[in-house]
Amino acid sequence: MKIAIVGYGKMGKMVEQTALEQGYSIAAIIDPIPQESSKPPSGAPMFRSIAEAGDLCGAETAIEFTQPGTALSNIKALAEKNIPSVIGTTGWTEHLDEARQAVEQAGAALIWASNFSLGVNVFNRIAWYAAQLIDSFPEYDAGGFESHHNKKLDSPSGTAKTLVDGVLARMKRKNKAVWDTLDRRPQPDELHFPSLRLGSVPGTHSVFFDSPADTIEITHTARNREGFASGAVRAAQWLITGETGKRTGFFSIDDMLKDILGS
């Protein structure tokens, strides 16, 4: 599998390393900020934009980790080139319908996720099932928090939004999330889920179910970015190896997991 990397920051470099370790090749690297003169470990040519990269040097798929403000334009550019794309950038999902339209009109393929870590996605499903169970026991309240490094641009994290949306969908007693600091008592139907930005934390998400007698805590802690990169590479492989060949359409990681889990 030949991969184009769009965005050569910390995540892009981790995708490169992970792909090479798994025996894949990097066809091209796209990043608008000039890099150091030394070649990247993959030896791939570097370009400042998707347009400048032409056919992306024969890439079969692209993995994009950039910034919220550039994700939509990258999605459209990749769709125009009919490059199956993995979009790991967060903070842009208010443009989801526009992105879907661009991909479907081009007959292209895209998979997106708030977090491509397979561990996080298993964690979400565990937390969601726990929320469904705990909803029958009114003595338990629910809440949580997330923490990330101090360079992260969006707050709350896309992962936190996905996690909390799933909890709210399964708890009749909770109707809305409160992401900000509270200077009052939370209402019974509110789920408080604040954010912390600190140091170099790759990402921690916790859900708590608390009663007067005990606390149930479910936590996922990322040790590094390897899990995110590995999941993105696996998603790229999934896009181009469907039962009838390369997939077309607009997918979320839920579609991939359903395929893997057979449900």
Protein backbone atom coordinates (compact mmCIF):
# COMPACT_ATOMS: atom_id res chain seq x y z
CA MET A 1 0.00 0.00 0.00
CA LYS A 2 1.34 3.41 -1.04
CA ILE A 3 0.29 6.20 1.32
CA ALA A 4 0.31 9.97 0.93
CA ILE A 5 0.66 11.80 4.25
CA VAL A 6 -1.16 15.13 4.45
CA GLY A 7 0.19 17.08 7.41
CA TYR A 8 3.70 16.32 8.63
CA GLY A 9 3.45 17.32 12.27
CA LYS A 10 3.77 14.90 15.17
CA MET A 11 0.91 12.73 13.96
CA GLY A 12 2.10 12.74 10.35
CA LYS A 13 5.55 11.63 11.43
CA MET A 14 4.05 8.87 13.58
CA VAL A 15 1.92 7.69 10.65
CA GLU A 16 5.06 7.55 8.53
CA GLN A 17 6.91 5.50 11.15
CA THR A 18 3.98 3.13 11.72
CA ALA A 19 3.36 2.58 8.01
CA LEU A 20 7.03 1.81 7.36
CA GLU A 21 7.12 -0.64 10.29
CA GLN A 22 4.13 -2.45 8.80
CA GLY A 23 5.81 -2.78 5.42
CA TYR A 24 3.95 -0.02 3.57
CA SER A 25 5.54 2.79 1.57
CA ILE A 26 5.11 6.56 1.68
CA ALA A 27 4.46 7.96 -1.78
CA ALA A 28 4.35 11.66 -0.90
CA ILE A 29 4.24 14.04 2.05
CA ILE A 30 2.20 17.26 1.91
CA ASP A 31 2.79 20.06 4.39
CA PRO A 32 2.71 23.84 3.80
CA ILE A 33 5.46 24.57 6.32
CA PRO A 34 9.00 24.02 4.99
CA GLN A 35 10.71 21.13 6.75
CA GLU A 36 14.36 20.74 7.63
CA SER A 37 16.62 20.10 4.65
CA SER A 38 17.18 16.43 5.55
CA LYS A 39 14.88 13.93 3.87
CA PRO A 40 12.15 12.22 5.88
CA PRO A 41 12.88 8.61 6.96
CA SER A 42 10.71 7.27 4.13
CA GLY A 43 12.60 9.27 1.51
CA ALA A 44 9.25 10.44 0.12
CA PRO A 45 9.10 13.68 -1.89
CA MET A 46 7.58 16.64 -0.07
CA PHE A 47 5.08 19.16 -1.41
CA ARG A 48 3.49 22.31 0.00
CA SER A 49 -0.05 21.47 -1.16
CA ILE A 50 -2.18 18.65 -2.54
CA ALA A 51 -2.50 20.55 -5.81
CA GLU A 52 1.29 20.86 -6.11
CA ALA A 53 1.65 17.11 -5.59
CA GLY A 54 -0.22 16.25 -8.81
CA ASP A 55 -1.20 12.58 -8.70
CA LEU A 56 0.40 12.27 -5.24
CA CYS A 57 3.18 10.18 -6.81
CA GLY A 58 0.90 7.21 -7.35
CA ALA A 59 -0.47 7.03 -3.80
CA GLU A 60 -3.27 4.52 -3.32
CA THR A 61 -4.62 6.30 -0.25
CA ALA A 62 -4.03 9.41 1.86
CA ILE A 63 -3.96 9.92 5.63
CA GLU A 64 -4.71 13.47 6.76
CA PHE A 65 -3.86 14.96 10.17
CA THR A 66 -3.79 18.73 9.89
CA GLN A 67 -5.84 21.53 11.50
CA PRO A 68 -9.60 22.20 11.73
CA GLY A 69 -9.39 25.15 9.37
CA THR A 70 -7.79 23.17 6.53
CA ALA A 71 -9.53 19.79 6.83
CA LEU A 72 -12.48 20.57 4.56
CA SER A 73 -10.34 21.98 1.74
CA ASN A 74 -8.06 18.95 1.98
CA ILE A 75 -11.06 16.61 1.84
CA LYS A 76 -12.34 18.31 -1.31
CA ALA A 77 -8.92 18.29 -2.96
CA LEU A 78 -8.40 14.59 -2.25
CA ALA A 79 -11.93 13.75 -3.42
CA GLU A 80 -11.28 15.54 -6.73
CA LYS A 81 -8.25 13.31 -7.22
CA ASN A 82 -10.32 10.24 -6.23
CA ILE A 83 -7.83 9.31 -3.52
CA PRO A 84 -9.35 7.17 -0.72
CA SER A 85 -8.77 9.32 2.34
CA VAL A 86 -8.45 8.80 6.08
CA ILE A 87 -9.28 12.03 7.94
CA GLY A 88 -7.96 12.17 11.49
CA THR A 89 -8.23 15.94 12.02
CA THR A 90 -10.81 16.97 14.63
CA GLY A 91 -12.78 20.16 15.18
CA TRP A 92 -14.25 20.43 11.65
CA THR A 93 -17.40 18.30 11.87
CA GLU A 94 -19.77 21.26 11.49
CA HIS A 95 -18.84 20.84 7.80
CA LEU A 96 -19.64 17.11 7.76
CA ASP A 97 -22.54 17.41 5.29
CA GLU A 98 -20.47 19.51 2.90
CA ALA A 99 -17.63 17.00 3.08
CA ARG A 100 -20.00 14.09 2.47
CA GLN A 101 -21.47 15.84 -0.56
CA ALA A 102 -18.02 16.50 -2.05
CA VAL A 103 -16.92 12.88 -1.59
CA GLU A 104 -20.13 11.36 -2.93
CA GLN A 105 -20.30 13.69 -5.95
CA ALA A 106 -16.73 12.73 -6.87
CA GLY A 107 -17.42 9.01 -6.42
CA ALA A 108 -14.51 8.94 -3.99
CA ALA A 109 -13.99 7.28 -0.61
CA LEU A 110 -13.39 8.74 2.84
CA ILE A 111 -13.35 7.47 6.41
CA TRP A 112 -13.26 9.88 9.35
CA ALA A 113 -13.12 9.52 13.11
CA SER A 114 -12.73 11.73 16.14
CA ASN A 115 -10.10 9.18 17.18
CA PHE A 116 -8.68 6.29 15.13
CA SER A 117 -7.25 4.44 18.12
CA LEU A 118 -8.86 1.00 18.22
CA GLY A 119 -8.45 1.06 22.01
CA VAL A 120 -10.44 4.29 22.28
CA ASN A 121 -13.20 2.92 20.11
CA VAL A 122 -13.47 -0.25 22.21
CA PHE A 123 -13.41 1.97 25.33
CA ASN A 124 -16.31 4.02 23.93
CA ARG A 125 -18.44 0.93 23.50
CA ILE A 126 -17.66 -0.27 27.02
CA ALA A 127 -18.58 3.14 28.45
CA TRP A 128 -21.77 3.32 26.39
CA TYR A 129 -22.90 -0.11 27.54
CA ALA A 130 -22.15 0.84 31.15
CA ALA A 131 -24.25 4.00 30.73
CA GLN A 132 -27.14 1.93 29.43
CA LEU A 133 -26.91 -0.37 32.45
CA ILE A 134 -26.48 2.39 35.03
CA ASP A 135 -29.47 4.35 33.76
CA SER A 136 -31.73 1.90 35.60
CA PHE A 137 -30.16 2.84 38.94
CA PRO A 138 -31.06 6.46 39.83
CA GLU A 139 -28.69 6.57 42.80
CA TYR A 140 -25.77 6.75 40.31
CA ASP A 141 -24.85 10.10 38.79
CA ALA A 142 -22.66 10.31 35.66
CA GLY A 143 -19.89 12.62 34.53
CA GLY A 144 -16.30 12.67 33.38
CA PHE A 145 -13.35 14.65 32.05
CA GLU A 146 -10.68 14.63 29.36
CA SER A 147 -7.08 15.87 29.33
CA HIS A 148 -4.68 16.56 26.46
CA HIS A 149 -1.38 18.30 25.75
CA ASN A 150 -1.27 22.07 25.81
CA LYS A 151 -0.77 22.35 22.03
CA LYS A 152 -4.17 20.86 21.21
CA LEU A 153 -6.30 23.33 19.26
CA ASP A 154 -9.84 22.16 20.06
CA SER A 155 -11.64 21.77 23.37
CA PRO A 156 -13.47 19.60 24.19
CA SER A 157 -11.72 16.93 22.16
CA GLY A 158 -13.54 15.27 19.28
CA THR A 159 -13.12 11.99 21.17
CA ALA A 160 -14.87 13.48 24.21
CA LYS A 161 -17.78 14.65 22.06
CA THR A 162 -18.19 11.20 20.53
CA LEU A 163 -17.96 9.54 23.95
CA VAL A 164 -20.47 11.89 25.59
CA ASP A 165 -22.91 11.74 22.66
CA GLY A 166 -22.99 7.97 23.08
CA VAL A 167 -23.56 8.20 26.84
CA LEU A 168 -26.39 10.72 26.42
CA ALA A 169 -28.05 8.53 23.80
CA ARG A 170 -28.20 5.68 26.33
CA MET A 171 -29.17 7.54 29.51
CA LYS A 172 -32.74 8.83 29.73
CA ARG A 173 -31.81 10.77 32.87
CA LYS A 174 -29.15 12.84 31.10
CA ASN A 175 -30.15 15.18 28.28
CA LYS A 176 -27.25 17.55 27.71
CA ALA A 177 -23.52 17.95 28.20
CA VAL A 178 -21.90 20.83 30.07
CA TRP A 179 -18.31 21.31 28.89
CA ASP A 180 -17.37 24.49 30.75
CA THR A 181 -16.43 25.15 34.36
CA LEU A 182 -19.52 25.19 36.58
CA ASP A 183 -20.01 27.94 39.17
CA ARG A 184 -23.30 26.39 40.25
CA ARG A 185 -24.75 23.00 41.05
CA PRO A 186 -25.30 20.87 37.92
CA GLN A 187 -28.89 20.11 37.03
CA PRO A 188 -29.97 16.45 37.31
CA ASP A 189 -30.23 16.11 33.52
CA GLU A 190 -26.76 17.60 32.89
CA LEU A 191 -23.61 15.56 32.32
CA HIS A 192 -20.55 17.57 33.32
CA PHE A 193 -17.47 16.80 31.20
CA PRO A 194 -14.73 19.47 31.47
CA SER A 195 -11.36 19.58 29.69
CA LEU A 196 -7.79 19.98 30.93
CA ARG A 197 -4.87 21.08 28.75
CA LEU A 198 -1.50 20.22 30.25
CA GLY A 199 2.07 19.53 29.21
CA SER A 200 2.52 16.66 26.75
CA VAL A 201 -0.43 14.42 27.68
CA PRO A 202 -1.35 12.40 24.53
CA GLY A 203 -4.95 11.95 25.72
CA THR A 204 -6.96 10.67 28.70
CA HIS A 205 -10.74 10.22 28.82
CA SER A 206 -12.64 9.11 31.91
CA VAL A 207 -16.29 8.42 32.66
CA PHE A 208 -17.53 8.12 36.25
CA PHE A 209 -20.74 6.64 37.62
CA ASP A 210 -20.98 7.66 41.26
CA SER A 211 -23.37 6.71 44.07
CA PRO A 212 -23.29 7.35 47.84
CA ALA A 213 -21.87 3.84 48.25
CA ASP A 214 -19.27 3.54 45.48
CA THR A 215 -17.78 4.81 42.22
CA ILE A 216 -17.41 3.06 38.88
CA GLU A 217 -14.62 4.56 36.79
CA ILE A 218 -13.86 3.72 33.15
CA THR A 219 -10.72 5.32 31.73
CA HIS A 220 -8.71 5.19 28.54
CA THR A 221 -5.18 6.59 28.70
CA ALA A 222 -3.06 6.91 25.58
CA ARG A 223 0.65 6.35 26.27
CA ASN A 224 1.65 7.95 22.98
CA ARG A 225 0.36 8.64 19.47
CA GLU A 226 1.14 5.15 18.19
CA GLY A 227 -2.42 3.87 18.69
CA PHE A 228 -3.88 6.76 16.69
CA ALA A 229 -1.44 6.21 13.83
CA SER A 230 -1.88 2.43 13.79
CA GLY A 231 -5.65 2.78 13.62
CA ALA A 232 -5.39 5.30 10.78
CA VAL A 233 -3.13 2.99 8.76
CA ARG A 234 -5.57 0.14 9.34
CA ALA A 235 -8.44 2.38 8.18
CA ALA A 236 -6.51 3.20 5.00
CA GLN A 237 -6.06 -0.49 4.32
CA TRP A 238 -9.78 -1.08 4.98
CA LEU A 239 -10.74 1.59 2.43
CA ILE A 240 -8.84 -0.02 -0.43
CA THR A 241 -9.44 -3.71 0.37
CA GLY A 242 -13.21 -4.17 0.37
CA GLU A 243 -14.78 -7.46 -0.71
CA THR A 244 -15.18 -6.14 -4.24
CA GLY A 245 -12.05 -3.97 -4.25
CA LYS A 246 -11.64 -0.33 -3.36
CA ARG A 247 -14.59 1.06 -1.39
CA THR A 248 -16.47 4.17 -2.42
CA GLY A 249 -18.56 6.35 -0.14
CA PHE A 250 -18.44 8.37 3.05
CA PHE A 251 -17.65 6.27 6.12
CA SER A 252 -17.04 6.70 9.82
CA ILE A 253 -14.93 4.42 11.95
CA ASP A 254 -18.18 2.81 13.13
CA ASP A 255 -18.56 1.33 9.64
CA MET A 256 -15.09 -0.19 9.84
CA LEU A 257 -15.67 -1.59 13.33
CA LYS A 258 -18.99 -3.13 12.33
CA ASP A 259 -17.19 -4.82 9.46
CA ILE A 260 -14.38 -6.07 11.73
CA LEU A 261 -16.76 -7.22 14.48
CA GLY A 262 -19.29 -8.68 12.08
CA SER A 263 -22.20 -6.69 13.51
